[in-house]
Amino acid sequence: MWTEKARASAREGLRVLAEFGYGQIKPTGLYDPETRAAIEKFERDHRLPVTGQISDRVVRELAA
């Protein structure tokens, strides 16, 4: 189960992905195919392991 802090971090990550042009995703906390595709594209662009999941590593890269 996700904690509220983890949910907030994931929503913020999705918001930043959208700002960086990784799709028309909305930071609602819902996980859909567009969200997964945006995360995977970001991971590939930043040479991260491609999981399609908002991980701590993805969040750190977005904050950098």
C-alpha atoms as a PDB file:
ATOM      1  CA  MET A   1       0.000   0.000   0.000  1.00  0.00           C
ATOM      2  CA  TRP A   2       1.155   3.490  -0.833  1.00  0.00           C
ATOM      3  CA  THR A   3       1.573   6.065   1.905  1.00  0.00           C
ATOM      4  CA  GLU A   4       0.212   9.552   1.386  1.00  0.00           C
ATOM      5  CA  LYS A   5       3.789  10.812   1.022  1.00  0.00           C
ATOM      6  CA  ALA A   6       4.455   8.273  -1.752  1.00  0.00           C
ATOM      7  CA  ARG A   7       1.218   9.229  -3.516  1.00  0.00           C
ATOM      8  CA  ALA A   8       2.121  12.916  -3.339  1.00  0.00           C
ATOM      9  CA  SER A   9       5.577  12.186  -4.713  1.00  0.00           C
ATOM     10  CA  ALA A  10       4.104  10.190  -7.605  1.00  0.00           C
ATOM     11  CA  ARG A  11       1.599  12.965  -8.417  1.00  0.00           C
ATOM     12  CA  GLU A  12       4.403  15.520  -8.401  1.00  0.00           C
ATOM     13  CA  GLY A  13       6.486  13.283 -10.664  1.00  0.00           C
ATOM     14  CA  LEU A  14       3.623  13.025 -13.143  1.00  0.00           C
ATOM     15  CA  ARG A  15       3.119  16.784 -13.067  1.00  0.00           C
ATOM     16  CA  VAL A  16       6.796  17.352 -13.866  1.00  0.00           C
ATOM     17  CA  LEU A  17       6.737  14.751 -16.652  1.00  0.00           C
ATOM     18  CA  ALA A  18       3.844  16.630 -18.248  1.00  0.00           C
ATOM     19  CA  GLU A  19       5.698  19.956 -17.864  1.00  0.00           C
ATOM     20  CA  PHE A  20       8.755  18.436 -19.573  1.00  0.00           C
ATOM     21  CA  GLY A  21       6.590  17.410 -22.529  1.00  0.00           C
ATOM     22  CA  TYR A  22       6.329  13.677 -21.853  1.00  0.00           C
ATOM     23  CA  GLY A  23       2.663  13.497 -22.759  1.00  0.00           C
ATOM     24  CA  GLN A  24      -0.713  14.897 -21.879  1.00  0.00           C
ATOM     25  CA  ILE A  25      -0.852  13.123 -18.553  1.00  0.00           C
ATOM     26  CA  LYS A  26      -2.736  14.575 -15.655  1.00  0.00           C
ATOM     27  CA  PRO A  27      -1.356  14.216 -12.114  1.00  0.00           C
ATOM     28  CA  THR A  28      -4.501  12.559 -10.802  1.00  0.00           C
ATOM     29  CA  GLY A  29      -2.741   9.550  -9.332  1.00  0.00           C
ATOM     30  CA  LEU A  30      -4.467   7.248 -11.835  1.00  0.00           C
ATOM     31  CA  TYR A  31      -2.185   4.930 -13.765  1.00  0.00           C
ATOM     32  CA  ASP A  32      -3.158   4.434 -17.394  1.00  0.00           C
ATOM     33  CA  PRO A  33      -1.373   3.498 -20.661  1.00  0.00           C
ATOM     34  CA  GLU A  34      -0.471   7.135 -21.385  1.00  0.00           C
ATOM     35  CA  THR A  35       1.107   7.485 -17.954  1.00  0.00           C
ATOM     36  CA  ARG A  36       3.141   4.309 -18.415  1.00  0.00           C
ATOM     37  CA  ALA A  37       4.297   5.418 -21.888  1.00  0.00           C
ATOM     38  CA  ALA A  38       5.402   8.820 -20.569  1.00  0.00           C
ATOM     39  CA  ILE A  39       7.385   7.254 -17.727  1.00  0.00           C
ATOM     40  CA  GLU A  40       8.980   4.715 -20.078  1.00  0.00           C
ATOM     41  CA  LYS A  41      10.003   7.469 -22.528  1.00  0.00           C
ATOM     42  CA  PHE A  42      11.549   9.493 -19.709  1.00  0.00           C
ATOM     43  CA  GLU A  43      13.406   6.423 -18.454  1.00  0.00           C
ATOM     44  CA  ARG A  44      14.782   5.677 -21.936  1.00  0.00           C
ATOM     45  CA  ASP A  45      15.771   9.310 -22.499  1.00  0.00           C
ATOM     46  CA  HIS A  46      17.660   9.330 -19.191  1.00  0.00           C
ATOM     47  CA  ARG A  47      19.182   5.857 -19.609  1.00  0.00           C
ATOM     48  CA  LEU A  48      17.329   4.449 -16.624  1.00  0.00           C
ATOM     49  CA  PRO A  49      16.021   0.890 -16.391  1.00  0.00           C
ATOM     50  CA  VAL A  50      12.676   0.964 -18.225  1.00  0.00           C
ATOM     51  CA  THR A  51       9.945  -0.091 -15.811  1.00  0.00           C
ATOM     52  CA  GLY A  52       7.114   2.309 -16.591  1.00  0.00           C
ATOM     53  CA  GLN A  53       6.716   2.934 -12.860  1.00  0.00           C
ATOM     54  CA  ILE A  54       7.257   6.088 -10.816  1.00  0.00           C
ATOM     55  CA  SER A  55      10.167   4.992  -8.658  1.00  0.00           C
ATOM     56  CA  ASP A  56      12.363   6.868  -6.228  1.00  0.00           C
ATOM     57  CA  ARG A  57      15.029   6.975  -8.937  1.00  0.00           C
ATOM     58  CA  VAL A  58      12.653   8.515 -11.481  1.00  0.00           C
ATOM     59  CA  VAL A  59      11.545  11.109  -8.937  1.00  0.00           C
ATOM     60  CA  ARG A  60      15.198  11.962  -8.152  1.00  0.00           C
ATOM     61  CA  GLU A  61      15.988  12.337 -11.872  1.00  0.00           C
ATOM     62  CA  LEU A  62      12.961  14.587 -12.348  1.00  0.00           C
ATOM     63  CA  ALA A  63      14.129  16.788  -9.475  1.00  0.00           C
ATOM     64  CA  ALA A  64      17.679  17.101 -10.858  1.00  0.00           C
END
